[in-house]
Protein backbone atom coordinates (compact mmCIF):
# COMPACT_ATOMS: atom_id res chain seq x y z
CA MET A 1 0.07 -0.25 -0.17
CA THR A 2 0.89 3.56 -0.25
CA SER A 3 -0.20 6.84 0.90
CA LEU A 4 -0.95 7.98 -3.01
CA HIS A 5 -4.82 8.18 -3.27
CA ALA A 6 -5.78 8.80 -6.92
CA VAL A 7 -3.48 8.88 -10.28
CA LEU A 8 -3.85 10.65 -13.26
CA ILE A 9 -2.73 8.32 -16.02
CA ALA A 10 -1.36 10.81 -18.80
CA ASN A 11 -1.45 7.95 -21.59
CA ARG A 12 -3.68 5.83 -23.60
CA GLY A 13 -3.89 2.15 -25.01
CA GLU A 14 -2.54 -0.90 -23.08
CA ILE A 15 -0.27 0.82 -20.94
CA ALA A 16 -2.96 3.01 -19.51
CA VAL A 17 -4.92 -0.23 -18.68
CA ARG A 18 -1.80 -1.52 -17.19
CA ILE A 19 -1.43 1.37 -14.70
CA ALA A 20 -5.23 1.31 -13.97
CA ARG A 21 -5.05 -2.34 -12.95
CA VAL A 22 -1.94 -1.76 -10.66
CA ALA A 23 -3.60 1.33 -9.21
CA ARG A 24 -6.47 -0.89 -8.37
CA ASP A 25 -4.01 -3.43 -6.65
CA LEU A 26 -2.75 -0.93 -4.85
CA GLY A 27 -5.94 0.71 -3.68
CA ILE A 28 -5.58 4.02 -5.77
CA ARG A 29 -8.11 5.24 -7.85
CA SER A 30 -7.48 5.79 -11.32
CA ILE A 31 -7.99 8.24 -13.53
CA ALA A 32 -7.99 8.16 -17.16
CA VAL A 33 -7.86 10.62 -20.27
CA TYR A 34 -9.14 10.17 -24.18
CA SER A 35 -9.05 12.17 -27.24
CA GLU A 36 -12.23 12.13 -29.41
CA PRO A 37 -10.90 9.14 -31.36
CA ASP A 38 -10.39 7.45 -28.27
CA ALA A 39 -13.85 7.93 -26.61
CA GLY A 40 -15.09 4.59 -25.11
CA ALA A 41 -11.45 2.96 -25.66
CA LEU A 42 -10.70 0.31 -23.00
CA HIS A 43 -8.43 2.18 -21.07
CA THR A 44 -11.48 4.69 -20.24
CA LEU A 45 -13.33 1.68 -19.38
CA ILE A 46 -10.95 -0.29 -17.25
CA ALA A 47 -9.94 3.11 -15.22
CA ASP A 48 -12.39 4.16 -12.20
CA GLU A 49 -13.01 7.40 -14.24
CA ALA A 50 -12.15 9.06 -17.67
CA TYR A 51 -12.00 12.74 -18.84
CA ALA A 52 -12.26 14.02 -22.35
CA LEU A 53 -9.45 15.95 -24.01
CA PRO A 54 -11.06 17.82 -26.89
CA GLY A 55 -9.02 17.20 -29.92
CA SER A 56 -7.76 14.21 -32.11
CA THR A 57 -3.73 14.83 -32.28
CA SER A 58 -1.03 14.00 -29.96
CA ALA A 59 -0.62 17.82 -29.61
CA GLU A 60 -3.96 18.57 -28.85
CA THR A 61 -4.28 15.70 -26.41
CA TYR A 62 -1.60 13.52 -24.69
CA LEU A 63 1.03 16.24 -25.04
CA ASN A 64 -1.20 19.03 -23.76
CA MET A 65 0.24 19.84 -20.59
CA ALA A 66 -2.33 22.44 -19.40
CA ALA A 67 -5.17 20.28 -20.29
CA LEU A 68 -3.89 17.26 -18.43
CA LEU A 69 -3.23 19.06 -15.70
CA ASP A 70 -6.57 20.51 -15.89
CA VAL A 71 -8.05 17.24 -15.38
CA ALA A 72 -5.89 16.02 -12.46
CA ALA A 73 -7.11 19.24 -10.46
CA ARG A 74 -10.78 18.43 -11.27
CA ALA A 75 -10.52 14.95 -10.89
CA GLY A 76 -8.66 15.47 -7.66
CA ALA A 77 -5.70 13.30 -8.54
CA ASP A 78 -2.63 13.67 -6.16
CA CYS A 79 -0.27 11.79 -8.34
CA VAL A 80 0.33 11.39 -12.42
CA HIS A 81 1.78 8.42 -14.08
CA PRO A 82 3.07 9.20 -17.63
CA GLY A 83 3.63 5.62 -18.98
CA TYR A 84 5.58 5.64 -21.68
CA GLY A 85 5.80 8.03 -24.98
CA PHE A 86 3.98 11.23 -25.18
CA LEU A 87 5.23 13.20 -22.03
CA SER A 88 6.69 10.50 -20.13
CA GLU A 89 10.44 11.98 -20.69
CA ASN A 90 9.71 15.56 -20.90
CA SER A 91 11.30 17.64 -17.58
CA GLY A 92 9.07 20.16 -18.16
CA PHE A 93 5.91 18.27 -17.83
CA ALA A 94 7.69 16.46 -14.63
CA ARG A 95 8.39 19.94 -13.08
CA ALA A 96 4.87 21.26 -14.09
CA VAL A 97 3.35 18.46 -12.08
CA GLY A 98 5.23 19.02 -8.96
CA GLU A 99 4.64 22.55 -8.99
CA ALA A 100 0.72 21.95 -9.07
CA GLY A 101 1.45 20.01 -5.83
CA LEU A 102 1.11 16.60 -7.22
CA THR A 103 3.40 13.35 -7.02
CA TRP A 104 5.14 12.32 -10.61
CA ILE A 105 5.46 8.77 -10.77
CA GLY A 106 9.05 8.66 -12.63
CA PRO A 107 12.51 9.87 -12.24
CA THR A 108 13.34 13.53 -11.13
CA PRO A 109 13.30 16.35 -13.48
CA GLU A 110 16.70 16.37 -13.48
CA ASN A 111 17.23 12.76 -14.31
CA ILE A 112 15.35 13.30 -17.28
CA ASP A 113 17.33 16.28 -18.18
CA THR A 114 20.46 14.66 -17.90
CA LEU A 115 19.87 10.96 -19.00
CA GLY A 116 16.82 11.63 -21.38
CA ASP A 117 18.99 13.96 -23.18
CA LYS A 118 20.91 11.47 -25.37
CA VAL A 119 24.00 13.96 -25.45
CA ALA A 120 24.04 14.29 -21.75
CA ALA A 121 23.51 10.68 -21.31
CA ARG A 122 26.77 9.84 -23.35
CA ARG A 123 28.83 12.53 -21.24
CA ILE A 124 27.62 10.27 -18.17
CA ALA A 125 28.43 7.40 -19.43
CA MET A 126 31.99 8.70 -20.27
CA GLU A 127 32.41 9.50 -16.81
CA ALA A 128 31.17 6.16 -15.63
CA GLY A 129 33.94 4.49 -18.15
CA ALA A 130 31.26 2.84 -20.17
CA PRO A 131 32.44 1.91 -23.72
CA LEU A 132 31.01 4.10 -26.50
CA ALA A 133 30.73 4.40 -30.17
CA PRO A 134 31.87 7.80 -31.74
CA GLY A 135 29.28 10.40 -31.59
CA THR A 136 28.52 14.20 -31.56
CA PRO A 137 29.15 15.62 -27.98
CA ASP A 138 26.02 18.05 -28.63
CA PRO A 139 22.95 18.19 -30.80
CA ILE A 140 23.77 19.31 -34.34
CA GLU A 141 22.19 22.23 -36.08
CA ASN A 142 22.02 21.44 -39.65
CA TRP A 143 22.42 18.48 -41.95
CA GLN A 144 26.05 19.62 -43.19
CA GLU A 145 27.18 19.11 -39.64
CA ALA A 146 26.06 15.57 -39.96
CA ARG A 147 27.76 15.12 -43.38
CA ASP A 148 31.04 16.52 -41.61
CA PHE A 149 30.67 13.83 -38.99
CA ALA A 150 30.24 11.02 -41.84
CA GLU A 151 33.36 12.18 -43.77
CA GLU A 152 35.27 12.10 -40.71
CA PHE A 153 34.12 8.79 -39.17
CA GLY A 154 32.64 7.24 -42.29
CA LEU A 155 29.44 5.70 -43.30
CA PRO A 156 26.78 4.34 -41.99
CA ILE A 157 25.80 6.83 -39.43
CA ALA A 158 22.75 7.14 -36.95
CA ILE A 159 20.78 10.24 -36.87
CA LYS A 160 18.93 10.38 -33.46
CA ALA A 161 16.36 12.25 -31.60
CA ALA A 162 18.08 13.82 -28.49
CA PHE A 163 14.84 13.69 -26.84
CA GLY A 164 13.40 10.71 -28.29
CA GLY A 165 12.85 6.70 -27.67
CA GLY A 166 11.28 3.53 -29.46
CA GLY A 167 12.66 4.25 -32.80
CA ARG A 168 10.88 7.60 -33.23
CA GLY A 169 13.33 9.96 -34.79
CA LEU A 170 15.97 7.64 -35.64
CA LYS A 171 17.61 7.31 -39.10
CA VAL A 172 20.55 5.34 -40.32
CA VAL A 173 21.95 6.63 -43.32
CA HIS A 174 24.46 4.61 -45.93
CA ARG A 175 24.89 6.78 -48.41
CA ALA A 176 26.09 10.52 -48.26
CA GLU A 177 23.27 11.87 -50.47
CA ASP A 178 20.77 10.77 -48.13
CA ILE A 179 21.89 12.67 -45.23
CA GLU A 180 19.94 15.68 -45.61
CA ASP A 181 16.47 14.08 -45.90
CA ALA A 182 17.47 12.04 -42.99
CA PHE A 183 18.15 14.60 -41.06
CA ALA A 184 14.82 16.60 -42.04
CA SER A 185 12.66 13.43 -41.47
CA ALA A 186 14.40 12.54 -38.13
CA GLY A 187 13.61 16.01 -36.57
CA ARG A 188 9.88 15.90 -37.81
CA GLU A 189 9.41 12.40 -36.56
CA ALA A 190 10.57 13.80 -33.05
CA ARG A 191 8.67 16.88 -32.98
CA GLU A 192 5.54 14.73 -33.65
CA ALA A 193 6.08 11.92 -31.16
CA PHE A 194 8.09 14.04 -28.32
CA GLY A 195 7.50 17.98 -29.10
CA ARG A 196 11.17 18.27 -29.69
CA GLY A 197 13.37 18.14 -32.88
CA GLU A 198 17.00 18.57 -31.63
CA CYS A 199 18.99 15.49 -33.01
CA TYR A 200 22.41 13.92 -32.63
CA VAL A 201 24.57 11.77 -34.83
CA GLU A 202 26.73 8.79 -33.93
CA LYS A 203 28.74 6.22 -35.95
CA PHE A 204 26.57 3.13 -36.64
CA LEU A 205 27.82 -0.37 -35.87
CA THR A 206 27.05 -2.88 -38.54
CA ARG A 207 24.87 -5.83 -37.53
CA PRO A 208 24.59 -4.89 -33.95
CA ARG A 209 22.32 -6.87 -31.35
CA HIS A 210 20.13 -4.41 -28.93
CA VAL A 211 20.85 -5.55 -25.44
CA GLU A 212 18.95 -3.41 -22.37
CA ALA A 213 19.26 -3.95 -18.73
CA GLN A 214 16.19 -3.00 -16.55
CA VAL A 215 16.98 -0.70 -13.62
CA LEU A 216 15.03 0.13 -10.46
CA ALA A 217 16.43 3.01 -8.02
CA ASP A 218 14.66 4.14 -4.88
CA THR A 219 15.22 7.42 -3.10
CA HIS A 220 17.15 5.24 -0.42
CA GLY A 221 20.20 5.06 -2.51
CA ASN A 222 19.67 1.42 -3.51
CA VAL A 223 20.05 0.58 -7.17
CA ARG A 224 18.84 -2.47 -8.54
CA VAL A 225 19.58 -4.39 -11.99
CA LEU A 226 16.40 -6.88 -12.82
CA GLY A 227 18.68 -8.79 -15.55
CA THR A 228 18.95 -8.16 -19.30
CA ARG A 229 16.45 -8.23 -22.09
CA ASP A 230 17.27 -8.88 -26.08
CA CYS A 231 15.33 -6.12 -28.14
CA SER A 232 17.19 -7.27 -31.62
CA THR A 233 14.27 -8.09 -33.61
CA GLN A 234 13.16 -4.65 -34.71
CA ARG A 235 11.27 -2.96 -37.86
CA ARG A 236 12.91 0.31 -39.03
CA TYR A 237 14.34 0.27 -35.54
CA GLN A 238 11.07 -0.27 -33.53
CA LYS A 239 11.24 -3.44 -31.51
CA LEU A 240 8.74 -6.36 -32.29
CA ILE A 241 10.08 -9.36 -30.27
CA GLU A 242 11.91 -9.09 -26.90
CA GLU A 243 13.24 -11.67 -24.54
CA ALA A 244 14.61 -12.19 -21.23
CA PRO A 245 17.36 -12.92 -20.20
CA ALA A 246 19.26 -11.91 -23.10
CA PRO A 247 20.66 -15.13 -24.64
CA PHE A 248 23.69 -16.09 -25.99
CA LEU A 249 25.90 -13.83 -24.17
CA SER A 250 29.27 -14.31 -22.73
CA GLU A 251 29.56 -13.82 -18.65
CA ALA A 252 31.92 -10.86 -19.66
CA GLN A 253 29.48 -9.28 -21.81
CA ASN A 254 26.85 -9.96 -19.15
CA GLU A 255 28.36 -8.57 -16.36
CA ALA A 256 29.56 -5.22 -18.32
CA ILE A 257 25.97 -4.51 -19.53
CA ILE A 258 24.47 -5.20 -16.01
CA GLU A 259 27.43 -3.33 -14.18
CA GLY A 260 27.51 -0.54 -16.58
CA ALA A 261 23.83 0.01 -16.17
CA ARG A 262 24.03 0.08 -12.72
CA GLY A 263 27.39 2.60 -12.52
CA ILE A 264 25.59 5.03 -14.98
CA CYS A 265 22.15 5.26 -12.79
CA ALA A 266 24.40 5.31 -9.72
CA ARG A 267 26.32 8.35 -10.83
CA ALA A 268 23.58 10.00 -12.15
CA GLY A 269 21.65 9.91 -8.64
CA TYR A 270 18.74 8.14 -10.61
CA VAL A 271 15.46 7.54 -9.06
CA GLY A 272 12.44 5.20 -10.52
CA ALA A 273 12.41 2.79 -13.11
CA GLY A 274 14.87 2.86 -16.19
CA THR A 275 16.39 1.51 -18.92
CA VAL A 276 20.21 1.33 -20.17
CA GLU A 277 20.31 0.31 -23.64
CA PHE A 278 23.60 -1.41 -25.33
CA ILE A 279 24.59 -2.73 -28.39
CA VAL A 280 26.48 -5.64 -29.20
CA SER A 281 28.31 -5.42 -32.08
CA GLU A 282 29.10 -8.37 -34.64
CA ASP A 283 32.61 -8.44 -32.95
CA GLY A 284 31.58 -9.05 -29.64
CA THR A 285 32.01 -5.12 -28.67
CA VAL A 286 29.68 -3.89 -25.97
CA SER A 287 28.42 0.13 -26.31
CA PHE A 288 26.55 2.49 -24.68
CA LEU A 289 23.79 3.48 -26.50
CA GLU A 290 21.37 5.51 -24.43
CA VAL A 291 19.04 5.63 -21.30
CA ASN A 292 15.33 5.60 -21.40
CA THR A 293 14.01 7.45 -18.29
CA ARG A 294 10.65 5.66 -17.98
CA VAL A 295 8.97 2.35 -17.74
CA GLN A 296 9.79 0.35 -21.26
CA VAL A 297 6.95 -1.25 -23.54
CA GLU A 298 8.82 -4.67 -22.82
CA HIS A 299 8.88 -4.17 -19.06
CA PRO A 300 6.29 -7.41 -18.65
CA VAL A 301 8.97 -9.78 -19.97
CA THR A 302 11.33 -8.90 -17.24
CA GLU A 303 8.52 -9.12 -14.91
CA ALA A 304 7.90 -12.70 -16.13
CA VAL A 305 11.32 -13.87 -15.02
CA THR A 306 11.83 -11.91 -11.69
CA GLY A 307 8.49 -12.17 -10.33
CA ILE A 308 8.50 -8.23 -9.64
CA ASP A 309 5.80 -5.88 -10.46
CA ILE A 310 7.71 -3.03 -12.05
CA ILE A 311 4.79 -0.67 -11.99
CA ALA A 312 3.80 -1.25 -8.54
CA GLU A 313 7.38 -0.76 -7.69
CA GLN A 314 7.40 2.50 -9.64
CA PHE A 315 4.35 3.70 -7.24
CA ARG A 316 6.26 2.60 -4.13
CA ILE A 317 9.55 4.65 -4.97
CA ALA A 318 7.52 7.67 -6.05
CA ASP A 319 5.70 7.59 -2.40
CA GLY A 320 9.31 7.57 -0.84
CA GLN A 321 9.37 3.75 0.05
CA ARG A 322 12.41 1.32 -0.43
CA LEU A 323 12.27 -1.33 -3.28
CA SER A 324 10.44 -4.15 -2.27
CA PHE A 325 13.50 -6.26 -2.67
CA ASP A 326 16.95 -6.24 -1.44
CA VAL A 327 19.14 -7.66 -4.16
CA ASP A 328 19.37 -8.08 -7.71
CA PRO A 329 16.68 -11.05 -8.53
CA ALA A 330 18.05 -13.80 -10.49
CA PRO A 331 16.15 -14.73 -13.46
CA HIS A 332 13.69 -17.68 -13.40
CA GLY A 333 13.03 -19.34 -16.62
CA HIS A 334 12.79 -17.63 -20.11
CA ALA A 335 10.26 -15.26 -21.38
CA PHE A 336 9.09 -13.54 -24.89
CA GLU A 337 7.25 -10.61 -25.62
CA PHE A 338 5.55 -10.10 -29.00
CA ARG A 339 4.08 -6.58 -29.91
CA LEU A 340 0.93 -6.68 -31.46
CA ASN A 341 0.92 -3.94 -33.94
CA ALA A 342 -1.77 -2.91 -36.32
CA GLU A 343 0.63 -3.08 -39.23
CA ASP A 344 0.31 -4.99 -42.72
CA VAL A 345 3.39 -7.09 -43.02
CA ALA A 346 2.94 -7.91 -46.49
CA HIS A 347 3.19 -4.41 -47.46
CA GLY A 348 6.50 -3.49 -45.53
CA PHE A 349 4.82 -3.26 -42.21
CA VAL A 350 2.77 -0.18 -43.10
CA PRO A 351 0.07 1.19 -40.47
CA SER A 352 -3.24 -0.63 -40.39
CA PRO A 353 -5.86 1.51 -38.42
CA GLY A 354 -9.43 0.63 -38.64
CA THR A 355 -11.86 -1.72 -36.04
CA VAL A 356 -11.03 -4.69 -34.49
CA SER A 357 -13.70 -7.22 -35.25
CA VAL A 358 -12.30 -9.87 -33.21
CA PHE A 359 -9.98 -10.22 -30.45
CA GLU A 360 -9.49 -13.54 -28.97
CA ALA A 361 -6.41 -14.16 -26.58
CA PRO A 362 -4.81 -17.25 -26.34
CA THR A 363 -4.88 -19.09 -22.84
CA GLY A 364 -2.53 -21.61 -20.98
CA PRO A 365 0.36 -21.65 -18.77
CA GLY A 366 2.94 -19.12 -19.16
CA ILE A 367 0.66 -17.20 -21.08
CA ARG A 368 0.05 -13.10 -20.57
CA VAL A 369 -1.85 -10.73 -22.59
CA ASP A 370 -1.67 -6.89 -22.03
CA ALA A 371 -4.06 -5.42 -24.46
CA GLY A 372 -5.43 -2.01 -25.13
CA VAL A 373 -8.14 -3.17 -27.46
CA ARG A 374 -10.99 -5.77 -27.43
CA SER A 375 -13.58 -6.99 -29.94
CA GLY A 376 -15.02 -3.81 -31.61
CA SER A 377 -12.39 -1.48 -30.64
CA GLU A 378 -11.61 1.36 -32.95
CA VAL A 379 -7.53 1.78 -33.80
CA PRO A 380 -7.35 5.39 -34.75
CA GLY A 381 -4.37 6.59 -37.40
CA PHE A 382 -3.07 9.43 -34.94
CA TYR A 383 -1.09 7.26 -32.97
CA ASP A 384 1.18 4.40 -32.62
CA SER A 385 0.17 1.32 -33.91
CA LEU A 386 0.70 -1.04 -30.74
CA LEU A 387 -2.57 -2.78 -29.78
CA GLY A 388 -1.10 -4.95 -27.34
CA LYS A 389 1.42 -7.34 -26.08
CA LEU A 390 1.81 -11.36 -25.80
CA ILE A 391 3.98 -12.19 -23.16
CA VAL A 392 5.12 -16.07 -23.03
CA TRP A 393 7.02 -17.68 -20.01
CA GLY A 394 8.71 -21.25 -19.92
CA PRO A 395 11.34 -22.93 -17.97
CA ASP A 396 13.72 -22.61 -20.40
CA ARG A 397 14.04 -20.75 -24.12
CA ALA A 398 13.26 -24.18 -26.26
CA VAL A 399 10.00 -24.17 -24.08
CA ALA A 400 8.98 -20.91 -24.06
CA LEU A 401 9.51 -20.84 -27.90
CA ARG A 402 7.10 -24.08 -28.24
CA ARG A 403 4.26 -22.59 -25.78
CA ALA A 404 4.92 -19.17 -27.96
CA ALA A 405 4.07 -20.92 -30.99
CA ARG A 406 0.97 -22.38 -29.89
CA ALA A 407 -0.08 -19.32 -28.15
CA LEU A 408 0.20 -17.21 -31.62
CA ALA A 409 -1.71 -20.13 -33.41
CA GLU A 410 -4.30 -19.68 -30.92
CA LEU A 411 -4.44 -15.62 -31.11
CA LYS A 412 -7.18 -14.41 -33.36
CA ILE A 413 -7.06 -10.66 -34.32
CA SER A 414 -9.45 -9.64 -37.24
CA GLY A 415 -10.68 -6.36 -38.70
CA VAL A 416 -7.24 -4.85 -39.01
CA ARG A 417 -3.98 -6.38 -40.38
CA THR A 418 -1.23 -7.28 -37.58
CA VAL A 419 2.08 -8.33 -37.26
CA VAL A 420 1.16 -11.55 -35.98
CA PRO A 421 2.05 -13.50 -39.29
CA PHE A 422 5.65 -12.25 -38.74
CA HIS A 423 5.61 -13.47 -35.21
CA ARG A 424 4.48 -17.04 -36.16
CA ASP A 425 7.11 -17.02 -38.92
CA MET A 426 9.91 -16.19 -36.27
CA VAL A 427 9.28 -18.48 -33.55
CA GLU A 428 10.38 -21.07 -36.03
CA HIS A 429 12.96 -19.06 -38.19
CA PRO A 430 16.47 -20.73 -37.54
CA ALA A 431 17.84 -17.19 -37.19
CA PHE A 432 15.57 -16.40 -34.15
CA ALA A 433 15.11 -19.79 -32.86
CA GLY A 434 18.22 -21.56 -33.40
CA ASP A 435 21.48 -22.35 -31.20
CA HIS A 436 22.39 -19.21 -31.68
CA LEU A 437 20.98 -15.67 -32.45
CA GLY A 438 21.48 -14.36 -36.03
CA VAL A 439 19.22 -11.56 -35.77
CA TYR A 440 20.37 -8.08 -35.51
CA THR A 441 18.62 -4.79 -35.33
CA ASN A 442 18.10 -4.24 -39.14
CA TRP A 443 17.92 -8.03 -40.05
CA VAL A 444 13.89 -7.73 -40.43
CA ASP A 445 14.41 -4.81 -43.32
CA THR A 446 17.41 -6.17 -44.84
CA GLU A 447 17.05 -10.33 -44.98
CA TYR A 448 13.89 -11.37 -43.60
CA THR A 449 11.58 -13.52 -46.13
CA PRO A 450 8.29 -14.27 -44.87
CA ALA A 451 8.02 -17.94 -46.19
CA ARG A 452 8.15 -20.38 -43.38
CA THR A 453 4.47 -20.48 -41.74
CA THR A 454 3.04 -19.40 -44.97
CA GLY A 455 4.80 -22.29 -47.14
CA VAL A 456 5.06 -19.16 -49.87
CA GLU A 457 7.17 -16.10 -49.94
CA ASP A 458 3.94 -14.32 -50.19
CA ILE A 459 2.71 -13.67 -46.63
CA GLU A 460 -0.26 -12.02 -48.28
CA HIS A 461 -1.99 -15.58 -47.66
CA SER A 462 -1.71 -15.07 -43.67
CA TYR A 463 -4.27 -12.47 -43.86
CA THR A 464 -6.87 -14.63 -45.56
CA GLU A 465 -9.55 -14.99 -42.78
CA ARG A 466 -10.76 -18.57 -42.35
CA GLU A 467 -13.25 -20.28 -40.48
CA THR A 468 -12.26 -23.74 -38.85
CA LEU A 469 -14.25 -26.88 -39.67
CA VAL A 470 -13.85 -30.00 -37.48
CA ILE A 471 -14.92 -33.06 -39.13
CA GLU A 472 -14.41 -36.77 -38.55
CA ILE A 473 -12.83 -39.24 -40.72
CA ASP A 474 -12.52 -42.94 -39.99
CA GLY A 475 -13.02 -42.38 -36.46
CA ARG A 476 -10.66 -39.47 -36.34
CA LEU A 477 -11.15 -35.87 -35.68
CA HIS A 478 -9.58 -33.48 -38.52
CA GLN A 479 -9.49 -29.61 -38.18
CA VAL A 480 -9.58 -27.88 -41.83
CA GLY A 481 -9.46 -24.30 -42.37
CA ILE A 482 -11.50 -22.87 -44.93
CA PRO A 483 -11.72 -19.04 -46.34
CA VAL A 484 -14.59 -17.37 -44.91
CA GLY A 485 -17.13 -17.44 -47.54
CA PHE A 486 -15.80 -20.10 -49.60
CA LEU A 487 -18.22 -22.83 -49.35
CA GLY A 488 -21.01 -20.18 -49.45
CA ARG A 489 -24.17 -20.33 -46.89
CA GLY A 490 -26.13 -23.82 -46.96
CA ALA A 491 -30.11 -23.46 -46.68
CA GLY A 492 -31.40 -21.45 -43.70
CA ALA A 493 -27.87 -20.51 -42.55
CA PRO A 494 -27.71 -17.04 -41.15
CA ALA A 495 -26.11 -14.26 -43.31
CA PRO A 496 -22.55 -13.63 -42.28
CA ALA A 497 -22.29 -10.21 -40.22
CA PRO A 498 -21.13 -7.53 -42.56
CA ALA A 499 -17.07 -6.99 -42.22
CA PRO A 500 -16.71 -3.54 -40.08
CA ALA A 501 -15.37 -0.16 -42.28
CA SER A 502 -11.65 0.16 -41.95
CA ALA A 503 -10.49 2.87 -44.41
CA ASP A 504 -6.91 1.14 -44.38
CA ALA A 505 -8.41 -2.34 -44.80
CA GLU A 506 -10.04 -1.45 -48.24
CA ALA A 507 -8.33 -2.47 -51.39
CA PRO A 508 -7.26 0.23 -53.33
CA ALA A 509 -9.00 1.16 -56.14
CA PRO A 510 -7.82 0.64 -59.80
CA ALA A 511 -5.39 3.29 -60.40
CA THR A 512 -4.35 4.26 -63.89
CA GLU A 513 -1.11 3.17 -64.96
CA GLY A 514 2.14 5.19 -63.59
CA ALA A 515 -0.11 6.44 -60.62
CA VAL A 516 1.99 6.71 -57.21
CA LEU A 517 -0.01 5.46 -54.59
CA SER A 518 -0.06 5.75 -50.77
CA PRO A 519 0.71 2.86 -48.92
CA PHE A 520 -1.50 3.53 -46.17
CA ALA A 521 -3.77 5.86 -44.31
CA GLY A 522 -2.33 8.78 -43.06
CA SER A 523 -1.44 12.36 -44.42
CA LEU A 524 1.44 13.53 -46.85
CA VAL A 525 4.10 15.02 -45.31
CA ALA A 526 6.49 16.33 -48.16
CA TRP A 527 7.19 16.06 -51.68
CA LYS A 528 10.76 15.24 -52.35
CA VAL A 529 10.06 16.27 -56.30
CA ALA A 530 8.38 19.27 -57.82
CA GLU A 531 5.68 19.51 -60.15
CA GLY A 532 6.91 18.46 -63.90
CA ASP A 533 10.04 16.74 -62.80
CA THR A 534 11.53 13.97 -64.58
CA VAL A 535 11.99 11.04 -62.04
CA ALA A 536 13.61 7.76 -62.19
CA GLU A 537 11.85 4.41 -61.33
CA GLY A 538 12.58 3.66 -57.73
CA GLN A 539 13.39 7.39 -56.81
CA PRO A 540 12.03 8.69 -53.92
CA VAL A 541 9.11 11.21 -54.57
CA ALA A 542 7.21 11.71 -51.30
CA SER A 543 7.14 11.45 -47.55
CA VAL A 544 3.84 10.11 -45.87
CA GLU A 545 2.98 9.45 -42.07
CA ALA A 546 0.64 7.62 -40.13
CA MET A 547 0.68 6.30 -36.62
CA LYS A 548 3.75 8.74 -35.74
CA MET A 549 6.14 6.88 -38.63
CA GLU A 550 7.08 8.49 -41.83
CA SER A 551 7.56 6.16 -44.74
CA VAL A 552 8.90 7.12 -48.26
CA VAL A 553 7.06 6.33 -51.41
CA VAL A 554 9.00 5.78 -54.63
CA ALA A 555 8.13 5.99 -58.07
CA PRO A 556 6.66 3.11 -59.76
CA ARG A 557 8.18 4.13 -63.15
CA ALA A 558 10.69 6.63 -64.85
CA GLY A 559 8.89 9.70 -66.59
CA THR A 560 7.44 13.07 -65.65
CA ILE A 561 5.63 13.38 -62.38
CA SER A 562 2.36 15.40 -62.16
CA LEU A 563 1.40 15.92 -58.40
CA ALA A 564 -2.11 15.39 -57.16
CA VAL A 565 -2.03 15.83 -53.26
CA GLN A 566 -0.66 18.83 -51.25
CA PRO A 567 1.05 18.30 -48.10
CA GLY A 568 -0.78 17.80 -44.97
CA GLU A 569 -3.79 16.19 -46.89
CA LYS A 570 -5.21 13.00 -45.37
CA LEU A 571 -4.88 9.81 -47.40
CA THR A 572 -6.49 6.23 -47.36
CA ARG A 573 -4.45 3.40 -48.61
CA GLY A 574 -4.46 3.50 -52.45
CA THR A 575 -5.10 7.25 -52.62
CA VAL A 576 -3.40 8.73 -56.04
CA LEU A 577 -0.64 10.80 -54.84
CA ALA A 578 0.63 11.77 -58.31
CA THR A 579 0.79 10.40 -62.13
CA ILE A 580 3.76 9.60 -63.80
CA SER A 581 3.67 9.83 -67.37
């Protein structure tokens, strides 16, 4: 129990649901907020109370400090939990919460300033003796500075948002001619997701694994490390699968990561939950990456192997209590977390907002589902694509993988396309499920071929909705998957329910030859060419954005381009952006 009585949850989706449930365990009243597209969302129903934030965009709602504090005052909150993303790493919001007389469930504003700022964190890590890849000591002012850095240290380079995380505002550049566009795109993504667009540059190490350590530190000087996680399975540098403890590390590597994380947080006087991230390069070198001054999306996978409720510990720490455990917990068994994103694997993981017509979670030993949706939930295109997370524990990695395969086979999500077919592939892929980890941070983007579970290279077939028929042949039951509607309706059978409308699920209308189509529902960010320009096949011509991620659209053919859409215009999947003649 704590002395806290009512928490404003300054977030949405599955993390808001998670916080509300922990608050109930602790006897704390939970207060949710919601934007107009989120009215009636699951987190608003799980919380004890819910208050509207007028507007739809992040800036109008979940990034609106004044509106959030107004709700906190009206609802009688005495503390604020920011979750992850949005304002969770904004020191200005943390200070405003304190100035309003409320308790901030997170690290101090000073912690956020020194460690949440990637450049300042590098300085702390250097003072703590952590190994570091070359990088700029301060945020850069313009793309030319990034070009100069590349000329000194070589390509590839990583352009990173100084105040970001979760892959937002991160661009890896392999060609000098792409530096200017990457710098501009990283800044735009960072401003949209975090409200600040400063970026810095560091040398990108090839084929790196992403390994991190979970830290909890209280106000009594106790700094505990809850082991490691491997988060190398990513696309566009956003995590898809995490596991704990991180497999296939040497004792020296494991100790360097755990003690490096402890040293950085102790030196910074850190308080709260945080994650210290490292990369482990192809040659085994361990290099500090950054500190995330908040709870991570993947915190449940650590909870599964330690038995420690990280969110509950956040409340204890904020209340001035000691951690509930005295030493670093030893991991028990092995666990995986599979992010359930509304993204279309068949079309390059493009966002897929719409209506979730069916959400059926798997069951069984070692299975946990943290979800922000249920059957009938709307997935708006204004925010990120995470619907929920499937967490699977087993006594060892092999058993956990087998349980994961069964759980993913049982999981059913319809109405929006998700990354579940990818996960089903990966739990049997030798690069992931073999006796060593062949996956690295851009492996999905460069090497993944969706061919294992589908039997064909086109994973599109995995999205065909099927109904399962159970039939008996010679005294033995057989299950047969039939595409929905394939057999038609028998006499007297009820008509099937109409599929829910989803702008992104609709097939694009037939387009004229040479049409440049939007790959998903969203908005046009910018043109990379001008009206009447001559373009080459495969040349980048536009940037489109949805669910806080930008994607580049390329020319389907060579010719002269005629633009049909203006920057800022809303798009559906298949919208004709331009025509090339």
